[in-house]
PDB file of N, CA and C in Angstrom:
ATOM      1  N   UNK A   1     117.081  77.431 108.712  1.00  0.00           N
ATOM      2  CA  UNK A   1     117.103  78.516 107.767  1.00  0.00           C
ATOM      3  C   UNK A   1     118.208  79.491 108.143  1.00  0.00           C
ATOM      4  N   UNK A   2     118.892  79.981 107.151  1.00  0.00           N
ATOM      5  CA  UNK A   2     119.982  80.918 107.370  1.00  0.00           C
ATOM      6  C   UNK A   2     119.452  82.277 107.789  1.00  0.00           C
ATOM      7  N   UNK A   3     120.196  82.956 108.682  1.00  0.00           N
ATOM      8  CA  UNK A   3     119.807  84.291 109.109  1.00  0.00           C
ATOM      9  C   UNK A   3     119.944  85.308 107.992  1.00  0.00           C
ATOM     10  N   UNK A   4     120.674  84.953 106.927  1.00  0.00           N
ATOM     11  CA  UNK A   4     120.891  85.906 105.838  1.00  0.00           C
ATOM     12  C   UNK A   4     119.753  85.891 104.819  1.00  0.00           C
ATOM     13  N   UNK A   5     118.758  85.055 105.003  1.00  0.00           N
ATOM     14  CA  UNK A   5     117.637  84.984 104.067  1.00  0.00           C
ATOM     15  C   UNK A   5     116.623  86.080 104.373  1.00  0.00           C
ATOM     16  N   UNK A   6     116.208  86.788 103.331  1.00  0.00           N
ATOM     17  CA  UNK A   6     115.198  87.826 103.441  1.00  0.00           C
ATOM     18  C   UNK A   6     113.930  87.300 102.789  1.00  0.00           C
ATOM     19  N   UNK A   7     112.806  87.463 103.487  1.00  0.00           N
ATOM     20  CA  UNK A   7     111.520  87.006 102.960  1.00  0.00           C
ATOM     21  C   UNK A   7     110.481  88.083 103.213  1.00  0.00           C
ATOM     22  N   UNK A   8     109.800  88.471 102.159  1.00  0.00           N
ATOM     23  CA  UNK A   8     108.781  89.513 102.257  1.00  0.00           C
ATOM     24  C   UNK A   8     107.557  89.102 101.448  1.00  0.00           C
ATOM     25  N   UNK A   9     106.428  89.704 101.786  1.00  0.00           N
ATOM     26  CA  UNK A   9     105.220  89.513 100.998  1.00  0.00           C
ATOM     27  C   UNK A   9     104.549  90.854 100.791  1.00  0.00           C
ATOM     28  N   UNK A  10     103.757  90.921  99.735  1.00  0.00           N
ATOM     29  CA  UNK A  10     102.944  92.108  99.463  1.00  0.00           C
ATOM     30  C   UNK A  10     101.634  91.644  98.841  1.00  0.00           C
ATOM     31  N   UNK A  11     100.545  92.187  99.342  1.00  0.00           N
ATOM     32  CA  UNK A  11      99.235  91.882  98.774  1.00  0.00           C
ATOM     33  C   UNK A  11      99.057  92.634  97.465  1.00  0.00           C
ATOM     34  N   UNK A  12      98.219  92.076  96.593  1.00  0.00           N
ATOM     35  CA  UNK A  12      97.907  92.707  95.317  1.00  0.00           C
ATOM     36  C   UNK A  12      96.401  92.931  95.270  1.00  0.00           C
ATOM     37  N   UNK A  13      96.004  94.174  95.153  1.00  0.00           N
ATOM     38  CA  UNK A  13      94.588  94.503  95.048  1.00  0.00           C
ATOM     39  C   UNK A  13      94.124  94.404  93.605  1.00  0.00           C
ATOM     40  N   UNK A  14      92.913  94.873  93.337  1.00  0.00           N
ATOM     41  CA  UNK A  14      92.390  94.840  91.962  1.00  0.00           C
ATOM     42  C   UNK A  14      93.262  95.668  91.024  1.00  0.00           C
ATOM     43  N   UNK A  15      93.533  95.112  89.855  1.00  0.00           N
ATOM     44  CA  UNK A  15      94.341  95.808  88.863  1.00  0.00           C
ATOM     45  C   UNK A  15      93.493  96.809  88.101  1.00  0.00           C
ATOM     46  N   UNK A  16      94.060  97.954  87.831  1.00  0.00           N
ATOM     47  CA  UNK A  16      93.396  98.960  87.008  1.00  0.00           C
ATOM     48  C   UNK A  16      93.836  98.730  85.564  1.00  0.00           C
ATOM     49  N   UNK A  17      92.899  98.423  84.700  1.00  0.00           N
ATOM     50  CA  UNK A  17      93.240  98.200  83.299  1.00  0.00           C
ATOM     51  C   UNK A  17      93.716  96.779  83.047  1.00  0.00           C
ATOM     52  N   UNK A  18      94.455  96.621  81.969  1.00  0.00           N
ATOM     53  CA  UNK A  18      94.946  95.303  81.559  1.00  0.00           C
ATOM     54  C   UNK A  18      96.146  94.864  82.380  1.00  0.00           C
ATOM     55  N   UNK A  19      96.372  93.555  82.362  1.00  0.00           N
ATOM     56  CA  UNK A  19      97.569  93.004  83.000  1.00  0.00           C
ATOM     57  C   UNK A  19      98.801  93.590  82.332  1.00  0.00           C
ATOM     58  N   UNK A  20      99.781  93.939  83.142  1.00  0.00           N
ATOM     59  CA  UNK A  20     101.024  94.497  82.598  1.00  0.00           C
ATOM     60  C   UNK A  20     102.026  93.397  82.273  1.00  0.00           C
ATOM     61  N   UNK A  21     101.839  92.235  82.875  1.00  0.00           N
ATOM     62  CA  UNK A  21     102.729  91.099  82.615  1.00  0.00           C
ATOM     63  C   UNK A  21     101.877  89.850  82.489  1.00  0.00           C
ATOM     64  N   UNK A  22     102.353  88.925  81.692  1.00  0.00           N
ATOM     65  CA  UNK A  22     101.642  87.661  81.516  1.00  0.00           C
ATOM     66  C   UNK A  22     102.592  86.526  81.859  1.00  0.00           C
ATOM     67  N   UNK A  23     102.083  85.602  82.652  1.00  0.00           N
ATOM     68  CA  UNK A  23     102.870  84.437  83.036  1.00  0.00           C
ATOM     69  C   UNK A  23     102.128  83.198  82.553  1.00  0.00           C
ATOM     70  N   UNK A  24     102.876  82.286  81.964  1.00  0.00           N
ATOM     71  CA  UNK A  24     102.263  81.055  81.473  1.00  0.00           C
ATOM     72  C   UNK A  24     103.004  79.844  82.025  1.00  0.00           C
ATOM     73  N   UNK A  25     102.337  78.705  81.960  1.00  0.00           N
ATOM     74  CA  UNK A  25     102.968  77.446  82.347  1.00  0.00           C
ATOM     75  C   UNK A  25     103.893  77.037  81.206  1.00  0.00           C
ATOM     76  N   UNK A  26     105.159  76.846  81.511  1.00  0.00           N
ATOM     77  CA  UNK A  26     106.120  76.404  80.506  1.00  0.00           C
ATOM     78  C   UNK A  26     106.697  77.536  79.685  1.00  0.00           C
ATOM     79  N   UNK A  27     107.591  77.142  78.814  1.00  0.00           N
ATOM     80  CA  UNK A  27     108.271  78.075  77.927  1.00  0.00           C
ATOM     81  C   UNK A  27     108.297  77.446  76.557  1.00  0.00           C
ATOM     82  N   UNK A  28     108.114  78.123  75.474  1.00  0.00           N
ATOM     83  CA  UNK A  28     107.940  79.571  75.351  1.00  0.00           C
ATOM     84  C   UNK A  28     106.543  80.008  75.786  1.00  0.00           C
ATOM     85  N   UNK A  29     106.354  81.311  75.826  1.00  0.00           N
ATOM     86  CA  UNK A  29     105.091  81.906  76.239  1.00  0.00           C
ATOM     87  C   UNK A  29     103.952  81.338  75.394  1.00  0.00           C
ATOM     88  N   UNK A  30     102.972  80.749  76.059  1.00  0.00           N
ATOM     89  CA  UNK A  30     101.813  80.147  75.394  1.00  0.00           C
ATOM     90  C   UNK A  30     100.566  80.724  76.051  1.00  0.00           C
ATOM     91  N   UNK A  31      99.890  81.629  75.352  1.00  0.00           N
ATOM     92  CA  UNK A  31      98.742  82.327  75.924  1.00  0.00           C
ATOM     93  C   UNK A  31      97.585  81.394  76.272  1.00  0.00           C
ATOM     94  N   UNK A  32      97.589  80.174  75.732  1.00  0.00           N
ATOM     95  CA  UNK A  32      96.538  79.212  76.087  1.00  0.00           C
ATOM     96  C   UNK A  32      96.791  78.597  77.465  1.00  0.00           C
ATOM     97  N   UNK A  33      97.962  78.858  78.038  1.00  0.00           N
ATOM     98  CA  UNK A  33      98.321  78.308  79.351  1.00  0.00           C
ATOM     99  C   UNK A  33      98.585  79.436  80.358  1.00  0.00           C
ATOM    100  N   UNK A  34      97.762  80.470  80.276  1.00  0.00           N
ATOM    101  CA  UNK A  34      97.929  81.629  81.165  1.00  0.00           C
ATOM    102  C   UNK A  34      97.764  81.225  82.624  1.00  0.00           C
ATOM    103  N   UNK A  35      98.651  81.728  83.469  1.00  0.00           N
ATOM    104  CA  UNK A  35      98.538  81.541  84.907  1.00  0.00           C
ATOM    105  C   UNK A  35      97.670  82.660  85.476  1.00  0.00           C
ATOM    106  N   UNK A  36      97.029  82.429  86.620  1.00  0.00           N
ATOM    107  CA  UNK A  36      96.126  83.440  87.172  1.00  0.00           C
ATOM    108  C   UNK A  36      96.867  84.677  87.677  1.00  0.00           C
ATOM    109  N   UNK A  37      96.127  85.769  87.757  1.00  0.00           N
ATOM    110  CA  UNK A  37      96.661  87.012  88.331  1.00  0.00           C
ATOM    111  C   UNK A  37      96.834  86.800  89.830  1.00  0.00           C
ATOM    112  N   UNK A  38      97.929  87.258  90.357  1.00  0.00           N
ATOM    113  CA  UNK A  38      98.258  87.047  91.769  1.00  0.00           C
ATOM    114  C   UNK A  38      97.457  87.948  92.703  1.00  0.00           C
ATOM    115  N   UNK A  39      97.228  87.417  93.899  1.00  0.00           N
ATOM    116  CA  UNK A  39      96.668  88.188  95.004  1.00  0.00           C
ATOM    117  C   UNK A  39      97.750  88.545  96.014  1.00  0.00           C
ATOM    118  N   UNK A  40      98.861  87.815  95.948  1.00  0.00           N
ATOM    119  CA  UNK A  40      99.976  88.058  96.854  1.00  0.00           C
ATOM    120  C   UNK A  40     101.271  87.671  96.138  1.00  0.00           C
ATOM    121  N   UNK A  41     102.326  88.429  96.406  1.00  0.00           N
ATOM    122  CA  UNK A  41     103.647  88.105  95.878  1.00  0.00           C
ATOM    123  C   UNK A  41     104.592  87.860  97.046  1.00  0.00           C
ATOM    124  N   UNK A  42     105.504  86.933  96.846  1.00  0.00           N
ATOM    125  CA  UNK A  42     106.492  86.565  97.865  1.00  0.00           C
ATOM    126  C   UNK A  42     107.871  86.811  97.281  1.00  0.00           C
ATOM    127  N   UNK A  43     108.693  87.510  98.021  1.00  0.00           N
ATOM    128  CA  UNK A  43     110.060  87.811  97.626  1.00  0.00           C
ATOM    129  C   UNK A  43     110.998  87.060  98.552  1.00  0.00           C
ATOM    130  N   UNK A  44     111.904  86.270  97.962  1.00  0.00           N
ATOM    131  CA  UNK A  44     112.872  85.512  98.746  1.00  0.00           C
ATOM    132  C   UNK A  44     114.262  85.793  98.180  1.00  0.00           C
ATOM    133  N   UNK A  45     115.181  86.167  99.070  1.00  0.00           N
ATOM    134  CA  UNK A  45     116.554  86.464  98.647  1.00  0.00           C
ATOM    135  C   UNK A  45     117.518  86.186  99.783  1.00  0.00           C
ATOM    136  N   UNK A  46     118.745  85.837  99.442  1.00  0.00           N
ATOM    137  CA  UNK A  46     119.820  85.730 100.415  1.00  0.00           C
ATOM    138  C   UNK A  46     120.588  87.035 100.407  1.00  0.00           C
ATOM    139  N   UNK A  47     120.908  87.554 101.585  1.00  0.00           N
ATOM    140  CA  UNK A  47     121.681  88.795 101.661  1.00  0.00           C
ATOM    141  C   UNK A  47     122.999  88.680 100.919  1.00  0.00           C
ATOM    142  N   UNK A  48     123.592  87.484 100.967  1.00  0.00           N
ATOM    143  CA  UNK A  48     124.876  87.308 100.294  1.00  0.00           C
ATOM    144  C   UNK A  48     124.697  86.861  98.852  1.00  0.00           C
ATOM    145  N   UNK A  49     123.435  86.951  98.339  1.00  0.00           N
ATOM    146  CA  UNK A  49     123.012  86.775  96.954  1.00  0.00           C
ATOM    147  C   UNK A  49     123.731  85.706  96.195  1.00  0.00           C
ATOM    148  N   UNK A  50     123.651  85.447  94.997  1.00  0.00           N
ATOM    149  CA  UNK A  50     123.143  86.359  93.984  1.00  0.00           C
ATOM    150  C   UNK A  50     121.649  86.170  93.739  1.00  0.00           C
ATOM    151  N   UNK A  51     120.993  87.246  93.508  1.00  0.00           N
ATOM    152  CA  UNK A  51     119.638  87.216  93.028  1.00  0.00           C
ATOM    153  C   UNK A  51     118.535  87.091  94.056  1.00  0.00           C
ATOM    154  N   UNK A  52     117.335  87.262  93.527  1.00  0.00           N
ATOM    155  CA  UNK A  52     116.123  87.181  94.332  1.00  0.00           C
ATOM    156  C   UNK A  52     115.032  86.562  93.478  1.00  0.00           C
ATOM    157  N   UNK A  53     114.145  85.817  94.125  1.00  0.00           N
ATOM    158  CA  UNK A  53     113.010  85.202  93.436  1.00  0.00           C
ATOM    159  C   UNK A  53     111.725  85.899  93.849  1.00  0.00           C
ATOM    160  N   UNK A  54     110.860  86.113  92.886  1.00  0.00           N
ATOM    161  CA  UNK A  54     109.554  86.696  93.111  1.00  0.00           C
ATOM    162  C   UNK A  54     108.519  85.645  92.708  1.00  0.00           C
ATOM    163  N   UNK A  55     107.700  85.228  93.664  1.00  0.00           N
ATOM    164  CA  UNK A  55     106.682  84.206  93.447  1.00  0.00           C
ATOM    165  C   UNK A  55     105.309  84.853  93.542  1.00  0.00           C
ATOM    166  N   UNK A  56     104.365  84.357  92.744  1.00  0.00           N
ATOM    167  CA  UNK A  56     103.014  84.902  92.711  1.00  0.00           C
ATOM    168  C   UNK A  56     102.005  83.801  93.024  1.00  0.00           C
ATOM    169  N   UNK A  57     100.974  84.134  93.846  1.00  0.00           N
ATOM    170  CA  UNK A  57      99.943  83.167  94.230  1.00  0.00           C
ATOM    171  C   UNK A  57      98.589  83.856  94.319  1.00  0.00           C
ATOM    172  N   UNK A  58      97.530  83.055  94.150  1.00  0.00           N
ATOM    173  CA  UNK A  58      96.179  83.549  94.407  1.00  0.00           C
ATOM    174  C   UNK A  58      95.835  83.218  95.861  1.00  0.00           C
ATOM    175  N   UNK A  59      94.708  83.744  96.341  1.00  0.00           N
ATOM    176  CA  UNK A  59      94.268  83.448  97.706  1.00  0.00           C
ATOM    177  C   UNK A  59      93.868  81.990  97.862  1.00  0.00           C
ATOM    178  N   UNK A  60      93.707  81.286  96.737  1.00  0.00           N
ATOM    179  CA  UNK A  60      93.344  79.867  96.768  1.00  0.00           C
ATOM    180  C   UNK A  60      94.569  78.965  96.638  1.00  0.00           C
ATOM    181  N   UNK A  61      95.749  79.569  96.633  1.00  0.00           N
ATOM    182  CA  UNK A  61      96.987  78.808  96.555  1.00  0.00           C
ATOM    183  C   UNK A  61      97.407  78.444  95.148  1.00  0.00           C
ATOM    184  N   UNK A  62      96.728  79.001  94.150  1.00  0.00           N
ATOM    185  CA  UNK A  62      97.121  78.736  92.769  1.00  0.00           C
ATOM    186  C   UNK A  62      98.411  79.484  92.458  1.00  0.00           C
ATOM    187  N   UNK A  63      99.313  78.809  91.787  1.00  0.00           N
ATOM    188  CA  UNK A  63     100.594  79.393  91.407  1.00  0.00           C
ATOM    189  C   UNK A  63     100.382  80.353  90.243  1.00  0.00           C
ATOM    190  N   UNK A  64     100.916  81.565  90.366  1.00  0.00           N
ATOM    191  CA  UNK A  64     100.763  82.583  89.337  1.00  0.00           C
ATOM    192  C   UNK A  64     102.047  82.930  88.612  1.00  0.00           C
ATOM    193  N   UNK A  65     103.102  82.141  88.824  1.00  0.00           N
ATOM    194  CA  UNK A  65     104.363  82.378  88.132  1.00  0.00           C
ATOM    195  C   UNK A  65     105.469  82.803  89.081  1.00  0.00           C
ATOM    196  N   UNK A  66     106.694  82.687  88.607  1.00  0.00           N
ATOM    197  CA  UNK A  66     107.851  83.144  89.368  1.00  0.00           C
ATOM    198  C   UNK A  66     108.880  83.718  88.412  1.00  0.00           C
ATOM    199  N   UNK A  67     109.668  84.633  88.918  1.00  0.00           N
ATOM    200  CA  UNK A  67     110.722  85.247  88.115  1.00  0.00           C
ATOM    201  C   UNK A  67     111.952  85.466  88.981  1.00  0.00           C
ATOM    202  N   UNK A  68     113.128  85.342  88.346  1.00  0.00           N
ATOM    203  CA  UNK A  68     114.398  85.597  89.014  1.00  0.00           C
ATOM    204  C   UNK A  68     114.833  87.020  88.688  1.00  0.00           C
ATOM    205  N   UNK A  69     115.449  87.677  89.666  1.00  0.00           N
ATOM    206  CA  UNK A  69     115.929  89.045  89.492  1.00  0.00           C
ATOM    207  C   UNK A  69     117.326  89.155  90.100  1.00  0.00           C
ATOM    208  N   UNK A  70     118.196  89.985  89.528  1.00  0.00           N
ATOM    209  CA  UNK A  70     119.577  90.084  90.003  1.00  0.00           C
ATOM    210  C   UNK A  70     119.709  90.540  91.460  1.00  0.00           C
ATOM    211  N   UNK A  71     118.783  91.404  91.899  1.00  0.00           N
ATOM    212  CA  UNK A  71     118.844  91.902  93.274  1.00  0.00           C
ATOM    213  C   UNK A  71     117.426  91.969  93.851  1.00  0.00           C
ATOM    214  N   UNK A  72     117.351  92.135  95.162  1.00  0.00           N
ATOM    215  CA  UNK A  72     116.081  92.309  95.829  1.00  0.00           C
ATOM    216  C   UNK A  72     115.388  93.582  95.326  1.00  0.00           C
ATOM    217  N   UNK A  73     116.137  94.635  95.168  1.00  0.00           N
ATOM    218  CA  UNK A  73     115.579  95.890  94.661  1.00  0.00           C
ATOM    219  C   UNK A  73     114.992  95.715  93.271  1.00  0.00           C
ATOM    220  N   UNK A  74     115.684  94.943  92.421  1.00  0.00           N
ATOM    221  CA  UNK A  74     115.168  94.685  91.076  1.00  0.00           C
ATOM    222  C   UNK A  74     113.850  93.913  91.140  1.00  0.00           C
ATOM    223  N   UNK A  75     113.751  92.955  92.056  1.00  0.00           N
ATOM    224  CA  UNK A  75     112.522  92.181  92.210  1.00  0.00           C
ATOM    225  C   UNK A  75     111.381  93.068  92.684  1.00  0.00           C
ATOM    226  N   UNK A  76     111.654  93.938  93.637  1.00  0.00           N
ATOM    227  CA  UNK A  76     110.625  94.861  94.128  1.00  0.00           C
ATOM    228  C   UNK A  76     110.176  95.817  93.020  1.00  0.00           C
ATOM    229  N   UNK A  77     111.125  96.278  92.224  1.00  0.00           N
ATOM    230  CA  UNK A  77     110.802  97.176  91.115  1.00  0.00           C
ATOM    231  C   UNK A  77     109.972  96.449  90.056  1.00  0.00           C
ATOM    232  N   UNK A  78     110.305  95.207  89.773  1.00  0.00           N
ATOM    233  CA  UNK A  78     109.533  94.419  88.808  1.00  0.00           C
ATOM    234  C   UNK A  78     108.097  94.238  89.285  1.00  0.00           C
ATOM    235  N   UNK A  79     107.915  93.965  90.583  1.00  0.00           N
ATOM    236  CA  UNK A  79     106.564  93.820  91.136  1.00  0.00           C
ATOM    237  C   UNK A  79     105.805  95.140  91.029  1.00  0.00           C
ATOM    238  N   UNK A  80     106.474  96.247  91.303  1.00  0.00           N
ATOM    239  CA  UNK A  80     105.841  97.563  91.205  1.00  0.00           C
ATOM    240  C   UNK A  80     105.435  97.860  89.761  1.00  0.00           C
ATOM    241  N   UNK A  81     106.284  97.506  88.813  1.00  0.00           N
ATOM    242  CA  UNK A  81     105.966  97.707  87.395  1.00  0.00           C
ATOM    243  C   UNK A  81     104.795  96.820  86.972  1.00  0.00           C
ATOM    244  N   UNK A  82     104.783  95.598  87.467  1.00  0.00           N
ATOM    245  CA  UNK A  82     103.754  94.629  87.077  1.00  0.00           C
ATOM    246  C   UNK A  82     102.382  94.968  87.656  1.00  0.00           C
ATOM    247  N   UNK A  83     102.342  95.404  88.908  1.00  0.00           N
ATOM    248  CA  UNK A  83     101.061  95.595  89.596  1.00  0.00           C
ATOM    249  C   UNK A  83     100.684  97.048  89.837  1.00  0.00           C
ATOM    250  N   UNK A  84     101.605  97.957  89.641  1.00  0.00           N
ATOM    251  CA  UNK A  84     101.303  99.375  89.802  1.00  0.00           C
ATOM    252  C   UNK A  84     100.751  99.697  91.180  1.00  0.00           C
ATOM    253  N   UNK A  85      99.722 100.532  91.202  1.00  0.00           N
ATOM    254  CA  UNK A  85      99.154 100.975  92.477  1.00  0.00           C
ATOM    255  C   UNK A  85      98.397  99.863  93.202  1.00  0.00           C
ATOM    256  N   UNK A  86      98.171  98.730  92.543  1.00  0.00           N
ATOM    257  CA  UNK A  86      97.497  97.597  93.201  1.00  0.00           C
ATOM    258  C   UNK A  86      98.416  96.897  94.200  1.00  0.00           C
ATOM    259  N   UNK A  87      99.726  97.119  94.099  1.00  0.00           N
ATOM    260  CA  UNK A  87     100.680  96.469  94.996  1.00  0.00           C
ATOM    261  C   UNK A  87     100.721  97.195  96.334  1.00  0.00           C
ATOM    262  N   UNK A  88     100.406  96.469  97.401  1.00  0.00           N
ATOM    263  CA  UNK A  88     100.461  97.034  98.756  1.00  0.00           C
ATOM    264  C   UNK A  88     101.916  97.074  99.234  1.00  0.00           C
ATOM    265  N   UNK A  89     102.115  97.606 100.414  1.00  0.00           N
ATOM    266  CA  UNK A  89     103.461  97.719 100.988  1.00  0.00           C
ATOM    267  C   UNK A  89     104.041  96.335 101.282  1.00  0.00           C
ATOM    268  N   UNK A  90     105.347  96.221 101.161  1.00  0.00           N
ATOM    269  CA  UNK A  90     106.047  94.981 101.494  1.00  0.00           C
ATOM    270  C   UNK A  90     106.051  94.786 103.001  1.00  0.00           C
ATOM    271  N   UNK A  91     105.851  93.551 103.431  1.00  0.00           N
ATOM    272  CA  UNK A  91     105.883  93.194 104.846  1.00  0.00           C
ATOM    273  C   UNK A  91     106.869  92.048 105.037  1.00  0.00           C
ATOM    274  N   UNK A  92     107.658  92.135 106.088  1.00  0.00           N
ATOM    275  CA  UNK A  92     108.617  91.079 106.400  1.00  0.00           C
ATOM    276  C   UNK A  92     107.881  89.812 106.824  1.00  0.00           C
ATOM    277  N   UNK A  93     108.388  88.678 106.401  1.00  0.00           N
ATOM    278  CA  UNK A  93     107.905  87.384 106.891  1.00  0.00           C
ATOM    279  C   UNK A  93     108.880  86.975 107.985  1.00  0.00           C
ATOM    280  N   UNK A  94     108.395  86.844 109.186  1.00  0.00           N
ATOM    281  CA  UNK A  94     109.267  86.605 110.342  1.00  0.00           C
ATOM    282  C   UNK A  94     109.965  85.251 110.254  1.00  0.00           C
ATOM    283  N   UNK A  95     111.079  85.143 110.948  1.00  0.00           N
ATOM    284  CA  UNK A  95     111.906  83.935 110.892  1.00  0.00           C
ATOM    285  C   UNK A  95     111.237  82.711 111.506  1.00  0.00           C
ATOM    286  N   UNK A  96     110.185  82.898 112.320  1.00  0.00           N
ATOM    287  CA  UNK A  96     109.496  81.746 112.894  1.00  0.00           C
ATOM    288  C   UNK A  96     108.566  81.067 111.885  1.00  0.00           C
ATOM    289  N   UNK A  97     108.317  81.692 110.745  1.00  0.00           N
ATOM    290  CA  UNK A  97     107.489  81.103 109.689  1.00  0.00           C
ATOM    291  C   UNK A  97     108.352  80.122 108.898  1.00  0.00           C
ATOM    292  N   UNK A  98     107.946  78.865 108.895  1.00  0.00           N
ATOM    293  CA  UNK A  98     108.732  77.825 108.219  1.00  0.00           C
ATOM    294  C   UNK A  98     108.556  77.887 106.707  1.00  0.00           C
ATOM    295  N   UNK A  99     107.322  77.994 106.236  1.00  0.00           N
ATOM    296  CA  UNK A  99     107.047  78.000 104.798  1.00  0.00           C
ATOM    297  C   UNK A  99     106.463  79.358 104.398  1.00  0.00           C
ATOM    298  N   UNK A 100     107.276  80.235 103.807  1.00  0.00           N
ATOM    299  CA  UNK A 100     106.783  81.569 103.474  1.00  0.00           C
ATOM    300  C   UNK A 100     105.683  81.566 102.414  1.00  0.00           C
ATOM    301  N   UNK A 101     105.655  80.564 101.554  1.00  0.00           N
ATOM    302  CA  UNK A 101     104.665  80.493 100.489  1.00  0.00           C
ATOM    303  C   UNK A 101     103.276  80.190 101.051  1.00  0.00           C
ATOM    304  N   UNK A 102     103.186  79.166 101.888  1.00  0.00           N
ATOM    305  CA  UNK A 102     101.916  78.811 102.525  1.00  0.00           C
ATOM    306  C   UNK A 102     101.445  79.955 103.420  1.00  0.00           C
ATOM    307  N   UNK A 103     102.369  80.544 104.141  1.00  0.00           N
ATOM    308  CA  UNK A 103     102.047  81.682 105.008  1.00  0.00           C
ATOM    309  C   UNK A 103     101.447  82.826 104.191  1.00  0.00           C
ATOM    310  N   UNK A 104     102.058  83.153 103.059  1.00  0.00           N
ATOM    311  CA  UNK A 104     101.593  84.267 102.233  1.00  0.00           C
ATOM    312  C   UNK A 104     100.192  84.009 101.684  1.00  0.00           C
ATOM    313  N   UNK A 105      99.936  82.781 101.242  1.00  0.00           N
ATOM    314  CA  UNK A 105      98.608  82.443 100.721  1.00  0.00           C
ATOM    315  C   UNK A 105      97.564  82.572 101.826  1.00  0.00           C
ATOM    316  N   UNK A 106      97.863  82.042 102.992  1.00  0.00           N
ATOM    317  CA  UNK A 106      96.929  82.132 104.130  1.00  0.00           C
ATOM    318  C   UNK A 106      96.709  83.596 104.521  1.00  0.00           C
ATOM    319  N   UNK A 107      97.787  84.353 104.585  1.00  0.00           N
ATOM    320  CA  UNK A 107      97.719  85.779 104.926  1.00  0.00           C
ATOM    321  C   UNK A 107      96.813  86.519 103.932  1.00  0.00           C
ATOM    322  N   UNK A 108      97.030  86.285 102.648  1.00  0.00           N
ATOM    323  CA  UNK A 108      96.231  86.940 101.621  1.00  0.00           C
ATOM    324  C   UNK A 108      94.767  86.519 101.707  1.00  0.00           C
ATOM    325  N   UNK A 109      94.538  85.234 101.909  1.00  0.00           N
ATOM    326  CA  UNK A 109      93.165  84.730 101.999  1.00  0.00           C
ATOM    327  C   UNK A 109      92.417  85.400 103.147  1.00  0.00           C
ATOM    328  N   UNK A 110      93.069  85.501 104.297  1.00  0.00           N
ATOM    329  CA  UNK A 110      92.427  86.107 105.470  1.00  0.00           C
ATOM    330  C   UNK A 110      92.147  87.590 105.252  1.00  0.00           C
ATOM    331  N   UNK A 111      93.077  88.301 104.661  1.00  0.00           N
ATOM    332  CA  UNK A 111      92.904  89.748 104.528  1.00  0.00           C
ATOM    333  C   UNK A 111      92.055  90.148 103.329  1.00  0.00           C
ATOM    334  N   UNK A 112      92.292  89.523 102.202  1.00  0.00           N
ATOM    335  CA  UNK A 112      91.567  89.936 100.990  1.00  0.00           C
ATOM    336  C   UNK A 112      90.119  89.449 100.996  1.00  0.00           C
ATOM    337  N   UNK A 113      89.841  88.324 101.615  1.00  0.00           N
ATOM    338  CA  UNK A 113      88.462  87.844 101.657  1.00  0.00           C
ATOM    339  C   UNK A 113      87.615  88.621 102.652  1.00  0.00           C
ATOM    340  N   UNK A 114      88.239  89.374 103.544  1.00  0.00           N
ATOM    341  CA  UNK A 114      87.471  90.164 104.508  1.00  0.00           C
ATOM    342  C   UNK A 114      87.524  91.655 104.196  1.00  0.00           C
ATOM    343  N   UNK A 115      88.069  92.038 103.042  1.00  0.00           N
ATOM    344  CA  UNK A 115      88.239  93.460 102.743  1.00  0.00           C
ATOM    345  C   UNK A 115      86.912  94.202 102.632  1.00  0.00           C
ATOM    346  N   UNK A 116      85.813  93.509 102.336  1.00  0.00           N
ATOM    347  CA  UNK A 116      84.515  94.162 102.302  1.00  0.00           C
ATOM    348  C   UNK A 116      84.009  94.518 103.672  1.00  0.00           C
ATOM    349  N   UNK A 117      84.630  93.959 104.719  1.00  0.00           N
ATOM    350  CA  UNK A 117      84.214  94.224 106.104  1.00  0.00           C
ATOM    351  C   UNK A 117      84.866  95.483 106.677  1.00  0.00           C
ATOM    352  N   UNK A 118      85.784  96.099 105.956  1.00  0.00           N
ATOM    353  CA  UNK A 118      86.525  97.231 106.502  1.00  0.00           C
ATOM    354  C   UNK A 118      85.640  98.414 106.727  1.00  0.00           C
TER     355      UNK A 118
END
């Protein structure tokens, strides 16, 4: 893996109100193929760009959609717009983690399933 790759994750708590964004399987948007609301988002970008990808997953590893953004900041802003106050702080995924997607799902599963124990 290149040292210029940036990888971050953020947990998503319960949403207040309706979903602000809808993701479906395939294109065009088909509401009968809605993807689940994410519990964790993963941001992957190369420092030397162009662009950044934002991936969404549930704690069960279900895919919740992905979107491309021109910059890392744009991706973070899109996540903030989509999840509002439910979006937790971004955390770096360390370089020793081989698969950031599997790591994020496991991380979310461990933390969100024990949140009643806090």
